[in-house]
Amino acid sequence: MMPHADTFPTGEGAFSLRIEPHGDAVRVRAFGELDLATAQRFEAELRQELSNGHTTVVLDLSAVEFIDSTGLSAIFRMANEAKLNGGRFRIRRELSPPVEHVFDLAGCREGLPFAD
């Protein structure tokens, strides 16, 4: 399977995901703003990847320029759903400064599954 990208236009800019398969795992790279306008499509795309038979989905947030509480909630929902359904969902530890700031403000690092 070849890498592919999905772009979700928003009022101010765009949010996109780049799907990069690696054997039975997949890396999902997020770009742009993960917020109220994009969180629902973001979740749908991650659910699709988790249901495609990948043993592990690794979310890369290093290129996310903005994240709000809706985006943060979407990440938590996906982590919980994957855990309940036996899927493996991980987040790369390398975060963009805006995402790192929101994770620190929310104090949520301990509750998220980070890739080693």
Protein backbone atom coordinates (compact mmCIF):
# COMPACT_ATOMS: atom_id res chain seq x y z
CA MET A 1 0.00 0.00 0.00
CA MET A 2 1.36 3.39 -1.00
CA PRO A 3 1.34 6.43 1.29
CA HIS A 4 -1.60 8.73 0.70
CA ALA A 5 -2.84 12.05 2.04
CA ASP A 6 -6.22 13.47 2.91
CA THR A 7 -6.74 17.22 3.25
CA PHE A 8 -9.58 18.79 5.23
CA PRO A 9 -10.05 22.46 4.32
CA THR A 10 -11.08 24.74 7.17
CA GLY A 11 -11.96 28.40 7.43
CA GLU A 12 -8.43 29.57 8.16
CA GLY A 13 -6.25 26.91 6.59
CA ALA A 14 -6.11 23.19 6.10
CA PHE A 15 -5.61 20.07 8.11
CA SER A 16 -4.19 17.02 6.43
CA LEU A 17 -3.17 13.49 7.26
CA ARG A 18 -0.51 11.49 5.49
CA ILE A 19 -0.91 7.73 5.83
CA GLU A 20 2.38 5.82 5.62
CA PRO A 21 2.08 2.01 5.84
CA HIS A 22 5.02 0.04 7.26
CA GLY A 23 4.22 -3.68 7.05
CA ASP A 24 1.25 -4.36 9.30
CA ALA A 25 1.68 -1.01 11.06
CA VAL A 26 0.82 2.46 9.79
CA ARG A 27 2.11 5.93 10.63
CA VAL A 28 -0.46 8.71 10.47
CA ARG A 29 1.22 12.12 10.13
CA ALA A 30 -0.99 15.11 10.97
CA PHE A 31 -0.38 18.58 9.55
CA GLY A 32 -2.08 21.92 10.26
CA GLU A 33 -4.79 22.64 12.81
CA LEU A 34 -6.55 19.93 14.82
CA ASP A 35 -9.61 21.70 16.16
CA LEU A 36 -13.41 21.81 16.16
CA ALA A 37 -13.50 22.07 12.36
CA THR A 38 -11.29 19.02 11.76
CA ALA A 39 -11.53 16.70 14.79
CA GLN A 40 -14.48 14.65 13.53
CA ARG A 41 -12.81 13.84 10.19
CA PHE A 42 -9.53 13.18 12.03
CA GLU A 43 -11.25 10.58 14.22
CA ALA A 44 -12.96 8.98 11.23
CA GLU A 45 -9.64 8.59 9.42
CA LEU A 46 -7.95 7.08 12.47
CA ARG A 47 -10.86 4.65 12.98
CA GLN A 48 -10.52 3.62 9.35
CA GLU A 49 -6.82 2.88 9.80
CA LEU A 50 -7.47 0.92 13.00
CA SER A 51 -10.11 -1.15 11.21
CA ASN A 52 -7.86 -1.84 8.20
CA GLY A 53 -6.10 -4.64 10.06
CA HIS A 54 -3.01 -2.71 11.10
CA THR A 55 -1.55 -4.07 14.31
CA THR A 56 -0.29 -0.63 15.27
CA VAL A 57 -1.29 2.90 14.35
CA VAL A 58 1.33 5.49 15.27
CA LEU A 59 0.14 9.11 15.32
CA ASP A 60 2.75 11.74 14.47
CA LEU A 61 1.78 15.21 15.74
CA SER A 62 5.13 16.89 15.07
CA ALA A 63 3.69 19.08 12.28
CA VAL A 64 0.45 20.14 13.99
CA GLU A 65 0.40 23.94 14.20
CA PHE A 66 -2.59 24.26 16.54
CA ILE A 67 -4.66 21.95 18.72
CA ASP A 68 -7.66 22.82 20.86
CA SER A 69 -9.61 20.85 23.47
CA THR A 70 -11.68 19.22 20.72
CA GLY A 71 -8.55 17.85 19.09
CA LEU A 72 -7.19 16.71 22.43
CA SER A 73 -10.48 14.95 23.20
CA ALA A 74 -10.38 13.23 19.81
CA ILE A 75 -6.92 11.85 20.58
CA PHE A 76 -8.09 10.54 23.96
CA ARG A 77 -11.18 8.93 22.41
CA MET A 78 -9.08 7.17 19.80
CA ALA A 79 -6.60 5.93 22.40
CA ASN A 80 -9.44 4.57 24.55
CA GLU A 81 -11.28 2.95 21.63
CA ALA A 82 -8.12 1.27 20.40
CA LYS A 83 -7.38 -0.05 23.88
CA LEU A 84 -10.93 -1.41 24.30
CA ASN A 85 -10.89 -3.04 20.86
CA GLY A 86 -7.47 -4.64 21.23
CA GLY A 87 -5.88 -2.33 18.69
CA ARG A 88 -2.57 -0.73 19.25
CA PHE A 89 -2.49 3.05 19.08
CA ARG A 90 0.61 5.07 19.93
CA ILE A 91 1.67 8.70 19.72
CA ARG A 92 5.20 9.64 18.71
CA ARG A 93 6.97 11.41 21.56
CA GLU A 94 8.22 14.11 19.19
CA LEU A 95 5.46 16.73 19.42
CA SER A 96 5.21 20.15 17.82
CA PRO A 97 5.63 23.02 20.32
CA PRO A 98 1.89 23.93 20.22
CA VAL A 99 0.85 20.32 20.91
CA GLU A 100 3.47 19.92 23.62
CA HIS A 101 2.18 23.11 25.26
CA VAL A 102 -1.45 21.91 25.27
CA PHE A 103 -0.47 18.44 26.56
CA ASP A 104 1.51 20.11 29.37
CA LEU A 105 -1.32 22.51 30.24
CA ALA A 106 -3.83 19.66 30.33
CA GLY A 107 -1.43 17.45 32.30
CA CYS A 108 -2.38 14.51 30.12
CA ARG A 109 0.92 12.94 29.14
CA GLU A 110 0.52 10.11 31.64
CA GLY A 111 -2.86 9.13 30.19
CA LEU A 112 -1.72 8.78 26.59
CA PRO A 113 0.08 5.85 24.95
CA PHE A 114 3.39 7.14 23.64
CA ALA A 115 5.65 5.16 21.31
CA ASP A 116 9.10 4.40 22.62
